[in-house]
Amino acid sequence: MSNSHEPATMKREVSLFGGISVLAGIMIGSGIFYIGAIVLQRSGMNLGLALLVWLIGGLVTLLSGICFAELGAMMPKAGGYYVYLREAYGERVAFMCGITNFFLSSSGSIAALAVAFGAALSSIYPLDPLVQKGIALASIFLLTVLNIRGVKLGSTVQNLFMILKMLPIVLILVCGLAMGTQSPDLLTFELPETHAAPSFLELCSMVGFAVIATLWAYEGWTNLNTIAEEIKNPKRNIPLALILSITGVAILYVLFNYAVYRVLPFETIQQLVESGDYYLGTAAAKELFGSAGMIVVGAAMILAIFNSLNGCIMVFPRMYFAMARDGALFPSLAKLHPTYRTPMNAQIASAVMASILVCSRTLSELTSLVALCGIIFHGLTFFSVIVLRRKYPTMERPYRVWLYPFTTILICLVMIGLALNTLEQDPVTALLGLLVPLGGLVIYELFFRRRHDALEKERALEGKDALGSE
């Protein structure tokens, strides 16, 4: 196994609660107010089936999370799944993943959240589009500076906004369950088009399509491993944070959607979905609190987006830092701040790339290009559990995947299904997206392969010298 040479060490300052806050903070975004409608629509407008789909989506995410729990506890290094891909398949595959994250997916996520933050503020107090972009850029700059000043400060900001954003969400949930007057019918299995029960194959197809929508809502759970080098007692806290946060978020999503069903009559839900108004959570808040409901929802959305943005800005640069430390990116990106022990240059580079995408008119097109790439790299990461079990059978594994290898194989099959679904939905865009990692491979061969190989030889010689001196 390759060893990473560290001129300076990072500080382990993120607690178990901090880890849960990072994951839940990124996962619970503004989508909680509208993705439920998409899930319901794909479930044939069946309330009970939609809740079951949320549970299935949570189970799929949890099974995925325990794969990351084994990998993170086994190799608690900065960089997340870049590290696991490197160890399982070599530097080229890992570099293709990392460079795709830097140019599109991770930077695109930061840019999209920053733009959404400006738009959310504008929904309460109308702002010029140029001002919204200015707010987006300012939020990236502010949070980058905060996170450069230490992972503890960034984690404190994450914890604070996590608690603040949960207050209005829990208010809607509790009031909906307690004050709702509807008795939702959870057992009727009828398709709205035929008013007949679906066949088994139709039911499986509906569930599969709806589960994909829930995975959008659960997205973000992979990010804790990226800051593994800064987590206290990572062998214990990484698995615990993954399991607790994913389970907690799944329960929250099921209860929140049931609370919406308790507040809004089914006919109202149906009319909203048919008209294209997917914000059922907003409609429920209006029903509960009147005009003040918009303030509650607006506050929740602003806080949720800001919380997710801070989490992304905190974790994503650690991958670029790990790549540079391996000789796969510019050496300057591997330097840590002398006082705060944060990867300052990698954080600045991430902020610059995200700012460029904020200013791009084709942000949504750019981010959609990487959908297939993300599924492929995640699938390879899950399969790396099997590869690394064979490659390093004696390595300490403080946490092991439940029901191995069936769990891992099942999740890999889910990833294959998602990849095929993505190809079916938009084959041209999906295949064009593959040009990004392929271009990354060319960049690696031209600019970084020799440096990486030289660094590996240097480390191998250092290892031999160390053994000789003993």
Protein backbone atom coordinates (compact mmCIF):
# COMPACT_ATOMS: atom_id res chain seq x y z
CA MET A 1 0.00 0.00 0.00
CA SER A 2 1.32 3.44 -0.91
CA ASN A 3 2.24 5.74 1.92
CA SER A 4 1.52 9.44 1.91
CA HIS A 5 4.37 11.75 2.86
CA GLU A 6 3.18 14.62 5.05
CA PRO A 7 5.40 17.65 5.66
CA ALA A 8 2.89 18.73 8.30
CA THR A 9 -0.03 17.05 9.99
CA MET A 10 -3.65 18.07 10.02
CA LYS A 11 -5.44 18.65 13.31
CA ARG A 12 -8.03 16.10 14.45
CA GLU A 13 -10.66 18.56 15.66
CA VAL A 14 -13.96 17.24 14.22
CA SER A 15 -16.00 15.38 16.83
CA LEU A 16 -18.67 12.73 16.28
CA PHE A 17 -21.39 15.39 16.37
CA GLY A 18 -19.31 17.48 13.98
CA GLY A 19 -19.13 14.53 11.57
CA ILE A 20 -22.89 13.99 11.78
CA SER A 21 -23.40 17.72 11.24
CA VAL A 22 -21.19 17.70 8.11
CA LEU A 23 -23.15 14.83 6.57
CA ALA A 24 -26.66 15.84 7.61
CA GLY A 25 -25.87 19.48 6.84
CA ILE A 26 -24.98 18.64 3.24
CA MET A 27 -27.75 16.05 2.81
CA ILE A 28 -30.69 18.10 4.14
CA GLY A 29 -31.08 20.95 1.69
CA SER A 30 -34.00 22.81 0.16
CA GLY A 31 -34.98 19.56 -1.59
CA ILE A 32 -36.84 18.45 1.53
CA PHE A 33 -39.64 20.82 0.47
CA TYR A 34 -40.10 19.58 -3.11
CA ILE A 35 -38.47 16.19 -3.80
CA GLY A 36 -41.32 14.50 -1.93
CA ALA A 37 -43.67 15.55 -4.73
CA ILE A 38 -41.41 14.01 -7.38
CA VAL A 39 -41.25 10.77 -5.38
CA LEU A 40 -45.04 10.78 -5.03
CA GLN A 41 -45.54 11.41 -8.75
CA ARG A 42 -43.21 8.54 -9.65
CA SER A 43 -45.04 6.32 -7.12
CA GLY A 44 -48.30 6.66 -9.04
CA MET A 45 -49.65 9.20 -6.50
CA ASN A 46 -49.85 6.45 -3.89
CA LEU A 47 -49.08 7.92 -0.46
CA GLY A 48 -48.16 4.64 1.23
CA LEU A 49 -45.93 3.52 -1.64
CA ALA A 50 -44.17 6.91 -1.61
CA LEU A 51 -43.32 6.54 2.09
CA LEU A 52 -42.08 2.99 1.44
CA VAL A 53 -39.88 4.33 -1.38
CA TRP A 54 -38.33 6.85 1.04
CA LEU A 55 -37.47 3.95 3.36
CA ILE A 56 -36.00 1.90 0.49
CA GLY A 57 -33.93 4.89 -0.64
CA GLY A 58 -32.68 5.30 2.93
CA LEU A 59 -31.79 1.59 3.10
CA VAL A 60 -29.86 1.77 -0.20
CA THR A 61 -28.01 4.83 1.11
CA LEU A 62 -27.28 3.11 4.43
CA LEU A 63 -25.89 0.01 2.69
CA SER A 64 -23.72 2.32 0.57
CA GLY A 65 -22.65 4.17 3.70
CA ILE A 66 -21.43 1.05 5.48
CA CYS A 67 -19.11 0.37 2.54
CA PHE A 68 -17.61 3.82 3.09
CA ALA A 69 -17.54 3.12 6.84
CA GLU A 70 -15.22 0.13 6.32
CA LEU A 71 -13.00 2.06 3.91
CA GLY A 72 -12.84 5.20 6.05
CA ALA A 73 -12.05 3.38 9.29
CA MET A 74 -9.41 1.28 7.50
CA MET A 75 -7.71 4.24 5.77
CA PRO A 76 -8.55 7.46 7.68
CA LYS A 77 -6.74 9.69 5.19
CA ALA A 78 -7.71 13.01 3.62
CA GLY A 79 -9.17 12.65 0.15
CA GLY A 80 -12.10 10.28 0.62
CA TYR A 81 -12.88 7.96 -2.24
CA TYR A 82 -9.90 9.27 -4.25
CA VAL A 83 -7.73 7.36 -1.74
CA TYR A 84 -9.73 4.14 -2.10
CA LEU A 85 -9.75 4.30 -5.90
CA ARG A 86 -5.99 4.89 -5.87
CA GLU A 87 -5.31 1.90 -3.64
CA ALA A 88 -7.70 -0.41 -5.48
CA TYR A 89 -7.14 0.53 -9.15
CA GLY A 90 -4.07 2.78 -9.32
CA GLU A 91 -3.36 6.47 -9.67
CA ARG A 92 -4.85 6.87 -13.17
CA VAL A 93 -8.41 5.93 -12.18
CA ALA A 94 -8.13 8.01 -9.00
CA PHE A 95 -6.81 11.00 -10.95
CA MET A 96 -9.68 10.81 -13.45
CA CYS A 97 -12.10 10.89 -10.53
CA GLY A 98 -10.32 13.78 -8.80
CA ILE A 99 -9.95 15.94 -11.89
CA THR A 100 -13.66 15.45 -12.74
CA ASN A 101 -14.51 16.59 -9.21
CA PHE A 102 -12.27 19.63 -9.47
CA PHE A 103 -13.42 20.90 -12.85
CA LEU A 104 -17.10 19.95 -12.69
CA SER A 105 -18.87 17.91 -10.04
CA SER A 106 -17.50 19.19 -6.70
CA SER A 107 -16.85 22.73 -7.89
CA GLY A 108 -20.20 22.62 -9.69
CA SER A 109 -21.95 21.63 -6.45
CA ILE A 110 -20.39 24.58 -4.61
CA ALA A 111 -21.31 26.94 -7.46
CA ALA A 112 -24.90 25.62 -7.68
CA LEU A 113 -25.44 25.98 -3.93
CA ALA A 114 -23.98 29.51 -3.93
CA VAL A 115 -26.28 30.51 -6.82
CA ALA A 116 -29.24 28.88 -5.02
CA PHE A 117 -28.35 30.84 -1.86
CA GLY A 118 -28.58 34.13 -3.75
CA ALA A 119 -31.86 33.04 -5.36
CA ALA A 120 -33.31 32.02 -1.96
CA LEU A 121 -32.52 35.47 -0.55
CA SER A 122 -34.12 37.02 -3.63
CA SER A 123 -37.33 35.07 -3.01
CA ILE A 124 -37.78 37.02 0.24
CA TYR A 125 -36.37 40.37 -0.90
CA PRO A 126 -36.22 40.72 -4.71
CA LEU A 127 -32.66 41.18 -5.95
CA ASP A 128 -31.18 41.94 -9.36
CA PRO A 129 -29.63 38.82 -11.02
CA LEU A 130 -26.22 40.52 -10.97
CA VAL A 131 -26.58 41.15 -7.23
CA GLN A 132 -27.52 37.50 -6.72
CA LYS A 133 -24.31 36.41 -8.45
CA GLY A 134 -22.38 38.88 -6.29
CA ILE A 135 -23.91 37.30 -3.17
CA ALA A 136 -23.01 33.84 -4.50
CA LEU A 137 -19.37 34.86 -5.01
CA ALA A 138 -19.23 36.61 -1.64
CA SER A 139 -20.62 33.55 0.17
CA ILE A 140 -17.95 31.32 -1.42
CA PHE A 141 -15.22 33.80 -0.42
CA LEU A 142 -16.51 34.21 3.16
CA LEU A 143 -16.88 30.50 3.87
CA THR A 144 -13.52 29.70 2.26
CA VAL A 145 -11.79 32.22 4.54
CA LEU A 146 -13.61 30.79 7.59
CA ASN A 147 -12.58 27.23 6.70
CA ILE A 148 -8.97 28.24 6.02
CA ARG A 149 -8.82 29.50 9.61
CA GLY A 150 -9.23 25.96 10.89
CA VAL A 151 -11.41 22.89 10.51
CA LYS A 152 -12.63 23.51 14.08
CA LEU A 153 -14.04 26.90 13.10
CA GLY A 154 -15.58 25.48 9.93
CA SER A 155 -17.09 22.62 11.94
CA THR A 156 -18.48 25.08 14.51
CA VAL A 157 -20.18 27.08 11.74
CA GLN A 158 -21.53 23.80 10.34
CA ASN A 159 -22.90 22.72 13.74
CA LEU A 160 -24.52 26.11 14.39
CA PHE A 161 -26.31 26.35 11.04
CA MET A 162 -27.28 22.68 11.23
CA ILE A 163 -29.17 23.38 14.47
CA LEU A 164 -30.66 26.64 13.16
CA LYS A 165 -31.97 25.12 9.93
CA MET A 166 -33.50 22.16 11.76
CA LEU A 167 -35.67 24.44 13.92
CA PRO A 168 -38.15 25.51 11.17
CA ILE A 169 -38.08 22.03 9.56
CA VAL A 170 -38.89 20.33 12.89
CA LEU A 171 -41.54 23.02 13.56
CA ILE A 172 -43.37 22.12 10.35
CA LEU A 173 -42.96 18.39 11.05
CA VAL A 174 -44.21 18.48 14.66
CA CYS A 175 -47.07 20.89 13.97
CA GLY A 176 -48.06 18.87 10.90
CA LEU A 177 -48.23 15.62 12.86
CA ALA A 178 -50.01 17.25 15.85
CA MET A 179 -52.32 19.73 14.08
CA GLY A 180 -52.96 17.96 10.77
CA THR A 181 -56.58 16.90 10.31
CA GLN A 182 -56.21 14.60 7.29
CA SER A 183 -56.22 10.80 7.50
CA PRO A 184 -54.05 9.81 4.52
CA ASP A 185 -54.95 6.57 2.78
CA LEU A 186 -51.66 4.64 2.70
CA LEU A 187 -53.00 1.32 1.41
CA THR A 188 -54.74 2.12 -1.90
CA PHE A 189 -52.71 0.78 -4.83
CA GLU A 190 -54.27 2.27 -7.94
CA LEU A 191 -52.67 3.87 -10.97
CA PRO A 192 -54.21 7.31 -11.65
CA GLU A 193 -54.48 6.56 -15.39
CA THR A 194 -56.31 3.22 -15.15
CA HIS A 195 -57.70 3.26 -11.57
CA ALA A 196 -56.49 -0.34 -11.35
CA ALA A 197 -53.79 -1.95 -9.24
CA PRO A 198 -50.40 -2.10 -11.02
CA SER A 199 -48.89 -5.40 -12.05
CA PHE A 200 -45.81 -6.67 -10.23
CA LEU A 201 -43.51 -5.52 -13.05
CA GLU A 202 -45.18 -2.09 -13.18
CA LEU A 203 -44.82 -1.81 -9.40
CA CYS A 204 -41.10 -2.70 -9.51
CA SER A 205 -40.53 -0.18 -12.31
CA MET A 206 -42.35 2.56 -10.38
CA VAL A 207 -40.44 1.84 -7.18
CA GLY A 208 -37.07 1.82 -8.97
CA PHE A 209 -37.78 5.12 -10.74
CA ALA A 210 -39.01 6.72 -7.51
CA VAL A 211 -36.04 5.47 -5.48
CA ILE A 212 -33.71 7.33 -7.87
CA ALA A 213 -35.51 10.55 -6.88
CA THR A 214 -34.95 9.85 -3.17
CA LEU A 215 -31.24 9.32 -3.83
CA TRP A 216 -31.08 12.97 -4.92
CA ALA A 217 -32.33 13.91 -1.45
CA TYR A 218 -29.84 11.60 0.29
CA GLU A 219 -26.91 12.85 -1.84
CA GLY A 220 -23.96 14.14 0.17
CA TRP A 221 -23.36 11.21 2.53
CA THR A 222 -20.01 10.37 0.83
CA ASN A 223 -18.34 13.58 1.99
CA LEU A 224 -17.34 12.76 5.57
CA ASN A 225 -14.51 10.44 4.48
CA THR A 226 -12.86 13.32 2.66
CA ILE A 227 -11.95 14.94 6.00
CA ALA A 228 -11.08 11.61 7.70
CA GLU A 229 -7.64 12.94 8.63
CA GLU A 230 -9.25 15.65 10.78
CA ILE A 231 -11.82 13.50 12.62
CA LYS A 232 -11.22 12.56 16.22
CA ASN A 233 -10.97 8.78 16.75
CA PRO A 234 -11.82 8.08 13.06
CA LYS A 235 -11.91 4.29 13.46
CA ARG A 236 -14.95 4.72 15.71
CA ASN A 237 -16.47 8.03 14.65
CA ILE A 238 -16.51 7.61 10.85
CA PRO A 239 -18.73 4.48 10.92
CA LEU A 240 -20.89 5.91 13.71
CA ALA A 241 -21.37 9.27 11.99
CA LEU A 242 -22.27 7.60 8.67
CA ILE A 243 -24.78 5.18 10.22
CA LEU A 244 -26.39 7.70 12.59
CA SER A 245 -26.65 10.54 10.08
CA ILE A 246 -28.07 8.42 7.23
CA THR A 247 -30.55 6.69 9.55
CA GLY A 248 -31.59 9.99 11.12
CA VAL A 249 -32.06 11.73 7.77
CA ALA A 250 -34.11 8.79 6.45
CA ILE A 251 -36.43 8.95 9.47
CA LEU A 252 -36.71 12.73 9.08
CA TYR A 253 -37.68 12.45 5.39
CA VAL A 254 -40.35 9.80 6.07
CA LEU A 255 -41.88 11.75 8.99
CA PHE A 256 -41.73 15.08 7.16
CA ASN A 257 -43.57 13.71 4.13
CA TYR A 258 -46.14 11.98 6.34
CA ALA A 259 -46.66 15.31 8.15
CA VAL A 260 -47.36 16.93 4.76
CA TYR A 261 -49.94 14.20 4.03
CA ARG A 262 -51.55 14.93 7.42
CA VAL A 263 -51.91 18.63 6.60
CA LEU A 264 -52.88 18.75 2.90
CA PRO A 265 -55.94 16.96 1.49
CA PHE A 266 -55.05 14.39 -1.16
CA GLU A 267 -57.02 16.37 -3.79
CA THR A 268 -54.88 19.45 -3.04
CA ILE A 269 -51.66 17.41 -3.30
CA GLN A 270 -52.82 15.97 -6.62
CA GLN A 271 -53.70 19.42 -8.01
CA LEU A 272 -50.34 20.88 -6.96
CA VAL A 273 -48.34 18.04 -8.54
CA GLU A 274 -50.40 18.09 -11.76
CA SER A 275 -49.89 21.86 -12.07
CA GLY A 276 -46.12 21.46 -11.67
CA ASP A 277 -45.98 23.04 -8.20
CA TYR A 278 -43.80 20.51 -6.36
CA TYR A 279 -43.31 22.55 -3.18
CA LEU A 280 -45.65 20.50 -1.00
CA GLY A 281 -43.67 21.43 2.13
CA THR A 282 -44.26 25.11 1.40
CA ALA A 283 -47.99 24.50 0.86
CA ALA A 284 -48.16 22.61 4.16
CA ALA A 285 -46.42 25.49 5.99
CA LYS A 286 -48.92 27.98 4.51
CA GLU A 287 -51.80 25.76 5.65
CA LEU A 288 -50.35 25.53 9.17
CA PHE A 289 -49.10 29.08 9.75
CA GLY A 290 -50.84 31.22 7.12
CA SER A 291 -48.74 34.03 5.64
CA ALA A 292 -46.06 33.39 8.28
CA GLY A 293 -45.55 29.98 6.70
CA MET A 294 -43.61 31.55 3.86
CA ILE A 295 -41.23 33.14 6.36
CA VAL A 296 -40.72 29.77 8.10
CA VAL A 297 -40.03 27.99 4.80
CA GLY A 298 -37.87 30.83 3.47
CA ALA A 299 -35.74 30.82 6.62
CA ALA A 300 -35.39 27.03 6.48
CA MET A 301 -34.34 27.09 2.82
CA ILE A 302 -31.79 29.88 3.28
CA LEU A 303 -30.24 28.21 6.33
CA ALA A 304 -30.28 24.76 4.67
CA ILE A 305 -28.53 26.01 1.52
CA PHE A 306 -25.93 27.98 3.51
CA ASN A 307 -25.30 24.93 5.73
CA SER A 308 -24.83 22.66 2.69
CA LEU A 309 -22.55 25.23 1.04
CA ASN A 310 -20.31 25.46 4.11
CA GLY A 311 -20.09 21.66 4.31
CA CYS A 312 -19.04 21.38 0.65
CA ILE A 313 -16.45 24.15 0.94
CA MET A 314 -15.07 22.39 4.03
CA VAL A 315 -14.65 18.90 2.56
CA PHE A 316 -14.05 19.09 -1.21
CA PRO A 317 -10.56 20.71 -1.19
CA ARG A 318 -9.20 17.78 0.87
CA MET A 319 -9.35 15.59 -2.24
CA TYR A 320 -7.19 18.01 -4.24
CA PHE A 321 -4.80 18.22 -1.27
CA ALA A 322 -4.50 14.41 -1.21
CA MET A 323 -3.88 14.32 -4.98
CA ALA A 324 -1.11 16.92 -4.74
CA ARG A 325 0.45 15.05 -1.82
CA ASP A 326 0.64 11.97 -4.07
CA GLY A 327 2.33 13.97 -6.84
CA ALA A 328 -0.83 13.96 -8.99
CA LEU A 329 -1.39 17.74 -8.83
CA PHE A 330 0.79 20.81 -8.34
CA PRO A 331 2.97 20.57 -5.18
CA SER A 332 1.70 23.91 -3.87
CA LEU A 333 -1.77 22.38 -3.35
CA ALA A 334 -0.27 19.92 -0.84
CA LYS A 335 0.92 22.64 1.53
CA LEU A 336 -0.84 23.15 4.86
CA HIS A 337 -1.29 26.50 6.59
CA PRO A 338 1.53 26.73 9.18
CA THR A 339 -0.86 27.71 11.99
CA TYR A 340 -4.29 26.29 11.18
CA ARG A 341 -3.07 23.08 9.47
CA THR A 342 -5.67 23.45 6.70
CA PRO A 343 -4.94 22.89 2.98
CA MET A 344 -5.10 26.61 2.23
CA ASN A 345 -3.94 26.53 -1.40
CA ALA A 346 -6.31 23.68 -2.27
CA GLN A 347 -9.15 25.62 -0.63
CA ILE A 348 -8.32 28.74 -2.63
CA ALA A 349 -8.11 26.73 -5.87
CA SER A 350 -11.50 25.16 -5.13
CA ALA A 351 -13.03 28.59 -4.47
CA VAL A 352 -11.59 30.01 -7.71
CA MET A 353 -12.90 27.10 -9.79
CA ALA A 354 -16.35 27.34 -8.19
CA SER A 355 -16.41 31.11 -8.78
CA ILE A 356 -15.61 30.57 -12.46
CA LEU A 357 -18.59 28.20 -12.70
CA VAL A 358 -20.83 30.71 -10.88
CA CYS A 359 -20.01 33.21 -13.61
CA SER A 360 -20.67 30.59 -16.33
CA ARG A 361 -24.02 30.65 -18.09
CA THR A 362 -23.88 26.91 -18.64
CA LEU A 363 -23.65 25.82 -15.00
CA SER A 364 -26.62 23.42 -15.15
CA GLU A 365 -25.31 21.92 -18.41
CA LEU A 366 -21.84 21.44 -16.94
CA THR A 367 -23.09 19.71 -13.79
CA SER A 368 -25.44 17.43 -15.76
CA LEU A 369 -22.45 16.20 -17.79
CA VAL A 370 -20.96 14.42 -14.79
CA ALA A 371 -24.01 12.39 -13.70
CA LEU A 372 -22.78 9.18 -15.35
CA CYS A 373 -19.18 9.76 -14.21
CA GLY A 374 -20.32 10.15 -10.60
CA ILE A 375 -22.27 6.89 -10.72
CA ILE A 376 -19.31 5.03 -12.29
CA PHE A 377 -16.78 6.30 -9.72
CA HIS A 378 -19.12 5.58 -6.82
CA GLY A 379 -19.70 2.07 -8.17
CA LEU A 380 -15.95 1.51 -8.45
CA THR A 381 -15.55 2.74 -4.86
CA PHE A 382 -18.12 0.25 -3.57
CA PHE A 383 -16.41 -2.54 -5.52
CA SER A 384 -13.07 -1.47 -4.04
CA VAL A 385 -14.22 -2.99 -0.73
CA ILE A 386 -13.93 -6.40 -2.43
CA VAL A 387 -10.70 -5.46 -4.25
CA LEU A 388 -8.99 -4.20 -1.09
CA ARG A 389 -10.12 -7.21 0.97
CA ARG A 390 -8.21 -9.36 -1.53
CA LYS A 391 -5.30 -6.94 -1.97
CA TYR A 392 -4.69 -6.23 1.73
CA PRO A 393 -6.21 -9.18 3.61
CA THR A 394 -4.22 -8.57 6.81
CA MET A 395 -4.88 -4.83 7.10
CA GLU A 396 -6.72 -3.79 10.27
CA ARG A 397 -10.42 -3.20 9.63
CA PRO A 398 -11.98 -1.67 12.75
CA TYR A 399 -15.37 -1.81 11.02
CA ARG A 400 -16.53 -4.39 8.46
CA VAL A 401 -19.40 -4.29 5.96
CA TRP A 402 -22.48 -6.17 7.12
CA LEU A 403 -23.27 -9.41 5.25
CA TYR A 404 -20.16 -9.11 3.06
CA PRO A 405 -19.92 -9.66 0.08
CA PHE A 406 -23.68 -9.68 -0.63
CA THR A 407 -24.17 -6.07 0.54
CA THR A 408 -21.34 -4.79 -1.65
CA ILE A 409 -22.49 -6.76 -4.70
CA LEU A 410 -26.07 -5.51 -4.22
CA ILE A 411 -24.95 -1.86 -4.10
CA CYS A 412 -22.75 -2.36 -7.19
CA LEU A 413 -25.78 -3.78 -9.04
CA VAL A 414 -27.81 -0.72 -7.98
CA MET A 415 -25.07 1.52 -9.41
CA ILE A 416 -25.15 -0.43 -12.70
CA GLY A 417 -28.94 0.04 -12.81
CA LEU A 418 -28.59 3.79 -12.17
CA ALA A 419 -25.93 4.07 -14.89
CA LEU A 420 -28.19 2.30 -17.41
CA ASN A 421 -31.11 4.52 -16.39
CA THR A 422 -28.96 7.64 -16.87
CA LEU A 423 -27.88 6.42 -20.31
CA GLU A 424 -31.49 5.75 -21.26
CA GLN A 425 -32.73 9.16 -20.08
CA ASP A 426 -30.06 11.29 -21.81
CA PRO A 427 -27.48 9.17 -23.70
CA VAL A 428 -25.77 12.04 -25.54
CA THR A 429 -25.10 14.16 -22.44
CA ALA A 430 -24.12 11.10 -20.40
CA LEU A 431 -21.58 9.90 -22.96
CA LEU A 432 -20.22 13.43 -23.47
CA GLY A 433 -19.61 13.51 -19.74
CA LEU A 434 -17.13 10.65 -20.13
CA LEU A 435 -14.90 13.03 -22.10
CA VAL A 436 -14.09 14.86 -18.87
CA PRO A 437 -12.29 11.99 -17.06
CA LEU A 438 -10.75 10.85 -20.35
CA GLY A 439 -9.36 14.35 -20.79
CA GLY A 440 -8.11 14.09 -17.21
CA LEU A 441 -6.21 10.93 -18.14
CA VAL A 442 -4.46 12.82 -20.94
CA ILE A 443 -3.54 15.61 -18.51
CA TYR A 444 -2.15 13.05 -16.07
CA GLU A 445 0.04 11.36 -18.68
CA LEU A 446 1.36 14.67 -20.02
CA PHE A 447 1.96 16.60 -16.80
CA PHE A 448 1.82 14.49 -13.64
CA ARG A 449 2.75 10.84 -14.33
CA ARG A 450 6.53 11.39 -14.22
CA ARG A 451 6.31 13.46 -11.04
CA HIS A 452 4.09 10.87 -9.37
CA ASP A 453 6.40 8.00 -10.36
CA ALA A 454 9.48 9.92 -9.15
CA LEU A 455 7.79 10.65 -5.83
CA GLU A 456 6.84 6.99 -5.41
CA LYS A 457 10.45 5.90 -6.06
CA GLU A 458 11.71 8.49 -3.56
CA ARG A 459 9.31 7.18 -0.90
CA ALA A 460 10.29 3.58 -1.65
CA LEU A 461 13.98 4.47 -1.14
CA GLU A 462 13.14 6.28 2.10
CA GLY A 463 11.35 3.14 3.26
CA LYS A 464 14.36 0.94 2.45
CA ASP A 465 16.71 3.35 4.22
CA ALA A 466 14.45 3.32 7.28
CA LEU A 467 14.46 -0.48 7.34
CA GLY A 468 18.25 -0.53 6.90
CA SER A 469 18.79 1.81 9.82
CA GLU A 470 16.71 -0.47 12.03
